[in-house]
Amino acid sequence: MSDEEIKREVTDLLSKLIRIDTTNPPGNETAAAELLYDYLSSEGYEPEILEHVDGRGNLLASLKGDGKTRFMLLSHLDVVPADP
């Protein structure tokens, strides 16, 4: 995949993610987690959505490797409203 193709793919994914209203409260992170679940599944990851409160899901995704190196990325899916 060329740099331009990667740029288009990432821009498209980010545009879709930004369209999902995850303003906290109430959050609605599960909708964003579902979008990322689908994308990561198509890229060979093993994602799982953990939802202890309705609509407030988190995403956990694993990618099998050679077992020599480990990498962890932690983020959040909700946003807070800006006070102009």
PDB file of N, CA and C in Angstrom:
ATOM      1  N   MET A   1       0.855  -1.170   0.000  1.00  0.00           N
ATOM      2  CA  MET A   1       0.000   0.000   0.000  1.00  0.00           C
ATOM      3  C   MET A   1       0.904   1.238   0.000  1.00  0.00           C
ATOM      4  N   SER A   2       0.617   2.174  -0.883  1.00  0.00           N
ATOM      5  CA  SER A   2       1.427   3.393  -0.981  1.00  0.00           C
ATOM      6  C   SER A   2       1.112   4.352   0.161  1.00  0.00           C
ATOM      7  N   ASP A   3       1.988   5.320   0.356  1.00  0.00           N
ATOM      8  CA  ASP A   3       1.761   6.335   1.385  1.00  0.00           C
ATOM      9  C   ASP A   3       0.442   7.070   1.157  1.00  0.00           C
ATOM     10  N   GLU A   4       0.133   7.365  -0.091  1.00  0.00           N
ATOM     11  CA  GLU A   4      -1.118   8.070  -0.408  1.00  0.00           C
ATOM     12  C   GLU A   4      -2.333   7.213  -0.077  1.00  0.00           C
ATOM     13  N   GLU A   5      -2.260   5.930  -0.362  1.00  0.00           N
ATOM     14  CA  GLU A   5      -3.364   5.023  -0.041  1.00  0.00           C
ATOM     15  C   GLU A   5      -3.561   4.917   1.469  1.00  0.00           C
ATOM     16  N   ILE A   6      -2.467   4.842   2.198  1.00  0.00           N
ATOM     17  CA  ILE A   6      -2.551   4.799   3.659  1.00  0.00           C
ATOM     18  C   ILE A   6      -3.159   6.093   4.182  1.00  0.00           C
ATOM     19  N   LYS A   7      -2.719   7.212   3.648  1.00  0.00           N
ATOM     20  CA  LYS A   7      -3.247   8.519   4.068  1.00  0.00           C
ATOM     21  C   LYS A   7      -4.752   8.593   3.831  1.00  0.00           C
ATOM     22  N   ARG A   8      -5.213   8.144   2.664  1.00  0.00           N
ATOM     23  CA  ARG A   8      -6.651   8.162   2.359  1.00  0.00           C
ATOM     24  C   ARG A   8      -7.426   7.246   3.303  1.00  0.00           C
ATOM     25  N   GLU A   9      -6.893   6.064   3.557  1.00  0.00           N
ATOM     26  CA  GLU A   9      -7.572   5.109   4.432  1.00  0.00           C
ATOM     27  C   GLU A   9      -7.696   5.655   5.855  1.00  0.00           C
ATOM     28  N   VAL A  10      -6.610   6.203   6.377  1.00  0.00           N
ATOM     29  CA  VAL A  10      -6.618   6.735   7.738  1.00  0.00           C
ATOM     30  C   VAL A  10      -7.519   7.964   7.831  1.00  0.00           C
ATOM     31  N   THR A  11      -7.495   8.812   6.819  1.00  0.00           N
ATOM     32  CA  THR A  11      -8.357   9.998   6.800  1.00  0.00           C
ATOM     33  C   THR A  11      -9.823   9.590   6.772  1.00  0.00           C
ATOM     34  N   ASP A  12     -10.158   8.572   5.981  1.00  0.00           N
ATOM     35  CA  ASP A  12     -11.531   8.077   5.913  1.00  0.00           C
ATOM     36  C   ASP A  12     -11.975   7.515   7.265  1.00  0.00           C
ATOM     37  N   LEU A  13     -11.118   6.722   7.897  1.00  0.00           N
ATOM     38  CA  LEU A  13     -11.446   6.150   9.204  1.00  0.00           C
ATOM     39  C   LEU A  13     -11.637   7.253  10.238  1.00  0.00           C
ATOM     40  N   LEU A  14     -10.740   8.222  10.268  1.00  0.00           N
ATOM     41  CA  LEU A  14     -10.856   9.317  11.226  1.00  0.00           C
ATOM     42  C   LEU A  14     -12.119  10.132  10.976  1.00  0.00           C
ATOM     43  N   SER A  15     -12.465  10.377   9.723  1.00  0.00           N
ATOM     44  CA  SER A  15     -13.692  11.120   9.396  1.00  0.00           C
ATOM     45  C   SER A  15     -14.926  10.393   9.920  1.00  0.00           C
ATOM     46  N   LYS A  16     -14.961   9.080   9.746  1.00  0.00           N
ATOM     47  CA  LYS A  16     -16.089   8.290  10.251  1.00  0.00           C
ATOM     48  C   LYS A  16     -16.145   8.336  11.772  1.00  0.00           C
ATOM     49  N   LEU A  17     -14.989   8.257  12.414  1.00  0.00           N
ATOM     50  CA  LEU A  17     -14.924   8.275  13.874  1.00  0.00           C
ATOM     51  C   LEU A  17     -15.382   9.622  14.428  1.00  0.00           C
ATOM     52  N   ILE A  18     -14.974  10.708  13.790  1.00  0.00           N
ATOM     53  CA  ILE A  18     -15.353  12.050  14.243  1.00  0.00           C
ATOM     54  C   ILE A  18     -16.860  12.273  14.126  1.00  0.00           C
ATOM     55  N   ARG A  19     -17.508  11.632  13.159  1.00  0.00           N
ATOM     56  CA  ARG A  19     -18.958  11.793  12.972  1.00  0.00           C
ATOM     57  C   ARG A  19     -19.777  11.165  14.098  1.00  0.00           C
ATOM     58  N   ILE A  20     -19.177  10.291  14.872  1.00  0.00           N
ATOM     59  CA  ILE A  20     -19.893   9.632  15.970  1.00  0.00           C
ATOM     60  C   ILE A  20     -19.833  10.534  17.196  1.00  0.00           C
ATOM     61  N   ASP A  21     -20.998  10.914  17.703  1.00  0.00           N
ATOM     62  CA  ASP A  21     -21.057  11.800  18.870  1.00  0.00           C
ATOM     63  C   ASP A  21     -20.777  10.998  20.135  1.00  0.00           C
ATOM     64  N   THR A  22     -19.585  11.185  20.678  1.00  0.00           N
ATOM     65  CA  THR A  22     -19.202  10.506  21.920  1.00  0.00           C
ATOM     66  C   THR A  22     -19.034  11.516  23.056  1.00  0.00           C
ATOM     67  N   THR A  23     -19.752  12.643  22.944  1.00  0.00           N
ATOM     68  CA  THR A  23     -19.670  13.667  23.984  1.00  0.00           C
ATOM     69  C   THR A  23     -20.108  13.081  25.321  1.00  0.00           C
ATOM     70  N   ASN A  24     -19.310  13.335  26.342  1.00  0.00           N
ATOM     71  CA  ASN A  24     -19.572  12.823  27.682  1.00  0.00           C
ATOM     72  C   ASN A  24     -19.979  13.973  28.590  1.00  0.00           C
ATOM     73  N   PRO A  25     -21.146  13.908  29.248  1.00  0.00           N
ATOM     74  CA  PRO A  25     -22.098  12.815  29.182  1.00  0.00           C
ATOM     75  C   PRO A  25     -22.952  12.886  27.917  1.00  0.00           C
ATOM     76  N   PRO A  26     -23.550  11.817  27.480  1.00  0.00           N
ATOM     77  CA  PRO A  26     -23.626  10.478  28.060  1.00  0.00           C
ATOM     78  C   PRO A  26     -22.487   9.564  27.625  1.00  0.00           C
ATOM     79  N   GLY A  27     -21.731   9.924  26.605  1.00  0.00           N
ATOM     80  CA  GLY A  27     -20.611   9.079  26.172  1.00  0.00           C
ATOM     81  C   GLY A  27     -20.851   8.437  24.824  1.00  0.00           C
ATOM     82  N   ASN A  28     -21.634   7.378  24.765  1.00  0.00           N
ATOM     83  CA  ASN A  28     -21.933   6.657  23.523  1.00  0.00           C
ATOM     84  C   ASN A  28     -20.678   6.063  22.875  1.00  0.00           C
ATOM     85  N   GLU A  29     -19.710   5.670  23.692  1.00  0.00           N
ATOM     86  CA  GLU A  29     -18.463   5.141  23.164  1.00  0.00           C
ATOM     87  C   GLU A  29     -18.633   3.816  22.426  1.00  0.00           C
ATOM     88  N   THR A  30     -19.683   3.071  22.722  1.00  0.00           N
ATOM     89  CA  THR A  30     -19.872   1.775  22.070  1.00  0.00           C
ATOM     90  C   THR A  30     -19.985   1.931  20.559  1.00  0.00           C
ATOM     91  N   ALA A  31     -20.644   2.972  20.086  1.00  0.00           N
ATOM     92  CA  ALA A  31     -20.765   3.195  18.641  1.00  0.00           C
ATOM     93  C   ALA A  31     -19.386   3.384  18.007  1.00  0.00           C
ATOM     94  N   ALA A  32     -18.523   4.127  18.667  1.00  0.00           N
ATOM     95  CA  ALA A  32     -17.160   4.324  18.163  1.00  0.00           C
ATOM     96  C   ALA A  32     -16.368   3.018  18.246  1.00  0.00           C
ATOM     97  N   ALA A  33     -16.549   2.283  19.327  1.00  0.00           N
ATOM     98  CA  ALA A  33     -15.861   1.000  19.487  1.00  0.00           C
ATOM     99  C   ALA A  33     -16.271   0.026  18.385  1.00  0.00           C
ATOM    100  N   GLU A  34     -17.543   0.045  17.989  1.00  0.00           N
ATOM    101  CA  GLU A  34     -18.023  -0.846  16.928  1.00  0.00           C
ATOM    102  C   GLU A  34     -17.375  -0.509  15.587  1.00  0.00           C
ATOM    103  N   LEU A  35     -17.219   0.781  15.296  1.00  0.00           N
ATOM    104  CA  LEU A  35     -16.548   1.192  14.060  1.00  0.00           C
ATOM    105  C   LEU A  35     -15.106   0.677  14.053  1.00  0.00           C
ATOM    106  N   LEU A  36     -14.394   0.893  15.142  1.00  0.00           N
ATOM    107  CA  LEU A  36     -13.006   0.449  15.230  1.00  0.00           C
ATOM    108  C   LEU A  36     -12.895  -1.074  15.259  1.00  0.00           C
ATOM    109  N   TYR A  37     -13.875  -1.730  15.857  1.00  0.00           N
ATOM    110  CA  TYR A  37     -13.925  -3.199  15.864  1.00  0.00           C
ATOM    111  C   TYR A  37     -13.924  -3.723  14.423  1.00  0.00           C
ATOM    112  N   ASP A  38     -14.811  -3.167  13.598  1.00  0.00           N
ATOM    113  CA  ASP A  38     -14.910  -3.608  12.205  1.00  0.00           C
ATOM    114  C   ASP A  38     -13.603  -3.368  11.453  1.00  0.00           C
ATOM    115  N   TYR A  39     -13.024  -2.186  11.645  1.00  0.00           N
ATOM    116  CA  TYR A  39     -11.775  -1.859  10.948  1.00  0.00           C
ATOM    117  C   TYR A  39     -10.641  -2.783  11.393  1.00  0.00           C
ATOM    118  N   LEU A  40     -10.467  -2.917  12.692  1.00  0.00           N
ATOM    119  CA  LEU A  40      -9.369  -3.740  13.201  1.00  0.00           C
ATOM    120  C   LEU A  40      -9.543  -5.210  12.833  1.00  0.00           C
ATOM    121  N   SER A  41     -10.785  -5.693  12.811  1.00  0.00           N
ATOM    122  CA  SER A  41     -11.044  -7.075  12.379  1.00  0.00           C
ATOM    123  C   SER A  41     -10.558  -7.293  10.953  1.00  0.00           C
ATOM    124  N   SER A  42     -10.832  -6.319  10.092  1.00  0.00           N
ATOM    125  CA  SER A  42     -10.433  -6.441   8.690  1.00  0.00           C
ATOM    126  C   SER A  42      -8.920  -6.368   8.510  1.00  0.00           C
ATOM    127  N   GLU A  43      -8.215  -5.872   9.521  1.00  0.00           N
ATOM    128  CA  GLU A  43      -6.756  -5.754   9.459  1.00  0.00           C
ATOM    129  C   GLU A  43      -6.038  -6.893  10.184  1.00  0.00           C
ATOM    130  N   GLY A  44      -6.796  -7.906  10.634  1.00  0.00           N
ATOM    131  CA  GLY A  44      -6.184  -9.073  11.243  1.00  0.00           C
ATOM    132  C   GLY A  44      -6.086  -9.054  12.762  1.00  0.00           C
ATOM    133  N   TYR A  45      -6.613  -8.015  13.396  1.00  0.00           N
ATOM    134  CA  TYR A  45      -6.620  -7.949  14.856  1.00  0.00           C
ATOM    135  C   TYR A  45      -7.751  -8.807  15.409  1.00  0.00           C
ATOM    136  N   GLU A  46      -7.675  -9.087  16.689  1.00  0.00           N
ATOM    137  CA  GLU A  46      -8.736  -9.805  17.387  1.00  0.00           C
ATOM    138  C   GLU A  46      -9.349  -8.841  18.401  1.00  0.00           C
ATOM    139  N   PRO A  47     -10.334  -8.043  17.968  1.00  0.00           N
ATOM    140  CA  PRO A  47     -10.924  -7.054  18.873  1.00  0.00           C
ATOM    141  C   PRO A  47     -12.052  -7.635  19.720  1.00  0.00           C
ATOM    142  N   GLU A  48     -12.301  -6.962  20.823  1.00  0.00           N
ATOM    143  CA  GLU A  48     -13.388  -7.339  21.723  1.00  0.00           C
ATOM    144  C   GLU A  48     -13.934  -6.054  22.335  1.00  0.00           C
ATOM    145  N   ILE A  49     -15.252  -5.928  22.355  1.00  0.00           N
ATOM    146  CA  ILE A  49     -15.884  -4.775  22.993  1.00  0.00           C
ATOM    147  C   ILE A  49     -16.320  -5.184  24.393  1.00  0.00           C
ATOM    148  N   LEU A  50     -15.882  -4.417  25.375  1.00  0.00           N
ATOM    149  CA  LEU A  50     -16.247  -4.640  26.775  1.00  0.00           C
ATOM    150  C   LEU A  50     -17.182  -3.510  27.176  1.00  0.00           C
ATOM    151  N   GLU A  51     -18.401  -3.869  27.581  1.00  0.00           N
ATOM    152  CA  GLU A  51     -19.401  -2.850  27.904  1.00  0.00           C
ATOM    153  C   GLU A  51     -20.032  -3.178  29.255  1.00  0.00           C
ATOM    154  N   HIS A  52     -19.591  -2.487  30.290  1.00  0.00           N
ATOM    155  CA  HIS A  52     -20.131  -2.713  31.635  1.00  0.00           C
ATOM    156  C   HIS A  52     -21.320  -1.806  31.924  1.00  0.00           C
ATOM    157  N   VAL A  53     -21.428  -0.705  31.171  1.00  0.00           N
ATOM    158  CA  VAL A  53     -22.560   0.219  31.261  1.00  0.00           C
ATOM    159  C   VAL A  53     -23.068   0.415  29.838  1.00  0.00           C
ATOM    160  N   ASP A  54     -24.381   0.317  29.625  1.00  0.00           N
ATOM    161  CA  ASP A  54     -24.948   0.465  28.282  1.00  0.00           C
ATOM    162  C   ASP A  54     -24.431   1.728  27.596  1.00  0.00           C
ATOM    163  N   GLY A  55     -23.916   1.545  26.372  1.00  0.00           N
ATOM    164  CA  GLY A  55     -23.454   2.666  25.570  1.00  0.00           C
ATOM    165  C   GLY A  55     -22.056   3.157  25.898  1.00  0.00           C
ATOM    166  N   ARG A  56     -21.438   2.610  26.942  1.00  0.00           N
ATOM    167  CA  ARG A  56     -20.127   3.098  27.398  1.00  0.00           C
ATOM    168  C   ARG A  56     -19.040   2.045  27.169  1.00  0.00           C
ATOM    169  N   GLY A  57     -19.052   1.432  25.996  1.00  0.00           N
ATOM    170  CA  GLY A  57     -18.124   0.345  25.711  1.00  0.00           C
ATOM    171  C   GLY A  57     -16.689   0.776  25.503  1.00  0.00           C
ATOM    172  N   ASN A  58     -15.797  -0.127  25.793  1.00  0.00           N
ATOM    173  CA  ASN A  58     -14.373   0.027  25.532  1.00  0.00           C
ATOM    174  C   ASN A  58     -13.938  -1.059  24.561  1.00  0.00           C
ATOM    175  N   LEU A  59     -12.863  -0.806  23.865  1.00  0.00           N
ATOM    176  CA  LEU A  59     -12.358  -1.748  22.871  1.00  0.00           C
ATOM    177  C   LEU A  59     -11.003  -2.280  23.310  1.00  0.00           C
ATOM    178  N   LEU A  60     -10.863  -3.582  23.243  1.00  0.00           N
ATOM    179  CA  LEU A  60      -9.599  -4.254  23.509  1.00  0.00           C
ATOM    180  C   LEU A  60      -9.268  -5.022  22.238  1.00  0.00           C
ATOM    181  N   ALA A  61      -8.068  -4.839  21.710  1.00  0.00           N
ATOM    182  CA  ALA A  61      -7.699  -5.529  20.474  1.00  0.00           C
ATOM    183  C   ALA A  61      -6.304  -6.118  20.605  1.00  0.00           C
ATOM    184  N   SER A  62      -6.147  -7.330  20.108  1.00  0.00           N
ATOM    185  CA  SER A  62      -4.855  -8.018  20.139  1.00  0.00           C
ATOM    186  C   SER A  62      -4.444  -8.378  18.723  1.00  0.00           C
ATOM    187  N   LEU A  63      -3.141  -8.413  18.515  1.00  0.00           N
ATOM    188  CA  LEU A  63      -2.578  -8.842  17.241  1.00  0.00           C
ATOM    189  C   LEU A  63      -1.479  -9.843  17.557  1.00  0.00           C
ATOM    190  N   LYS A  64      -1.630 -11.037  17.045  1.00  0.00           N
ATOM    191  CA  LYS A  64      -0.632 -12.078  17.299  1.00  0.00           C
ATOM    192  C   LYS A  64       0.689 -11.689  16.637  1.00  0.00           C
ATOM    193  N   GLY A  65       1.761 -11.907  17.359  1.00  0.00           N
ATOM    194  CA  GLY A  65       3.094 -11.613  16.842  1.00  0.00           C
ATOM    195  C   GLY A  65       4.011 -12.796  17.058  1.00  0.00           C
ATOM    196  N   ASP A  66       5.294 -12.506  17.107  1.00  0.00           N
ATOM    197  CA  ASP A  66       6.271 -13.577  17.295  1.00  0.00           C
ATOM    198  C   ASP A  66       6.564 -13.853  18.768  1.00  0.00           C
ATOM    199  N   GLY A  67       5.954 -13.081  19.662  1.00  0.00           N
ATOM    200  CA  GLY A  67       6.134 -13.284  21.087  1.00  0.00           C
ATOM    201  C   GLY A  67       7.380 -12.640  21.659  1.00  0.00           C
ATOM    202  N   LYS A  68       8.198 -12.009  20.836  1.00  0.00           N
ATOM    203  CA  LYS A  68       9.439 -11.395  21.299  1.00  0.00           C
ATOM    204  C   LYS A  68       9.241  -9.954  21.746  1.00  0.00           C
ATOM    205  N   THR A  69       8.306  -9.265  21.126  1.00  0.00           N
ATOM    206  CA  THR A  69       8.090  -7.855  21.415  1.00  0.00           C
ATOM    207  C   THR A  69       6.633  -7.635  21.782  1.00  0.00           C
ATOM    208  N   ARG A  70       6.416  -6.751  22.750  1.00  0.00           N
ATOM    209  CA  ARG A  70       5.047  -6.404  23.129  1.00  0.00           C
ATOM    210  C   ARG A  70       4.869  -4.903  22.982  1.00  0.00           C
ATOM    211  N   PHE A  71       3.655  -4.526  22.651  1.00  0.00           N
ATOM    212  CA  PHE A  71       3.336  -3.121  22.448  1.00  0.00           C
ATOM    213  C   PHE A  71       1.933  -2.890  22.975  1.00  0.00           C
ATOM    214  N   MET A  72       1.741  -1.785  23.682  1.00  0.00           N
ATOM    215  CA  MET A  72       0.414  -1.468  24.200  1.00  0.00           C
ATOM    216  C   MET A  72       0.094  -0.018  23.881  1.00  0.00           C
ATOM    217  N   LEU A  73      -1.119   0.209  23.438  1.00  0.00           N
ATOM    218  CA  LEU A  73      -1.609   1.553  23.159  1.00  0.00           C
ATOM    219  C   LEU A  73      -2.882   1.736  23.959  1.00  0.00           C
ATOM    220  N   LEU A  74      -2.962   2.823  24.692  1.00  0.00           N
ATOM    221  CA  LEU A  74      -4.127   3.106  25.525  1.00  0.00           C
ATOM    222  C   LEU A  74      -4.688   4.453  25.115  1.00  0.00           C
ATOM    223  N   SER A  75      -5.988   4.513  24.931  1.00  0.00           N
ATOM    224  CA  SER A  75      -6.630   5.760  24.533  1.00  0.00           C
ATOM    225  C   SER A  75      -8.050   5.769  25.075  1.00  0.00           C
ATOM    226  N   HIS A  76      -8.819   6.767  24.683  1.00  0.00           N
ATOM    227  CA  HIS A  76     -10.223   6.833  25.078  1.00  0.00           C
ATOM    228  C   HIS A  76     -11.046   7.265  23.877  1.00  0.00           C
ATOM    229  N   LEU A  77     -12.334   6.968  23.913  1.00  0.00           N
ATOM    230  CA  LEU A  77     -13.212   7.250  22.780  1.00  0.00           C
ATOM    231  C   LEU A  77     -14.169   8.406  23.031  1.00  0.00           C
ATOM    232  N   ASP A  78     -14.317   8.841  24.283  1.00  0.00           N
ATOM    233  CA  ASP A  78     -15.246   9.932  24.554  1.00  0.00           C
ATOM    234  C   ASP A  78     -14.537  11.283  24.462  1.00  0.00           C
ATOM    235  N   VAL A  79     -15.343  12.315  24.329  1.00  0.00           N
ATOM    236  CA  VAL A  79     -14.842  13.693  24.321  1.00  0.00           C
ATOM    237  C   VAL A  79     -15.689  14.502  25.294  1.00  0.00           C
ATOM    238  N   VAL A  80     -15.178  15.647  25.709  1.00  0.00           N
ATOM    239  CA  VAL A  80     -15.955  16.547  26.559  1.00  0.00           C
ATOM    240  C   VAL A  80     -16.247  17.808  25.763  1.00  0.00           C
ATOM    241  N   PRO A  81     -17.412  18.427  26.005  1.00  0.00           N
ATOM    242  CA  PRO A  81     -17.744  19.630  25.246  1.00  0.00           C
ATOM    243  C   PRO A  81     -16.794  20.771  25.594  1.00  0.00           C
ATOM    244  N   ALA A  82     -16.475  21.564  24.595  1.00  0.00           N
ATOM    245  CA  ALA A  82     -15.639  22.748  24.814  1.00  0.00           C
ATOM    246  C   ALA A  82     -16.518  23.878  25.322  1.00  0.00           C
ATOM    247  N   ASP A  83     -15.986  24.668  26.201  1.00  0.00           N
ATOM    248  CA  ASP A  83     -16.710  25.820  26.729  1.00  0.00           C
ATOM    249  C   ASP A  83     -16.103  27.069  26.103  1.00  0.00           C
ATOM    250  N   PRO A  84     -16.771  27.593  25.051  1.00  0.00           N
ATOM    251  CA  PRO A  84     -16.175  28.736  24.324  1.00  0.00           C
ATOM    252  C   PRO A  84     -16.022  29.986  25.166  1.00  0.00           C
TER     253      PRO A  84
END
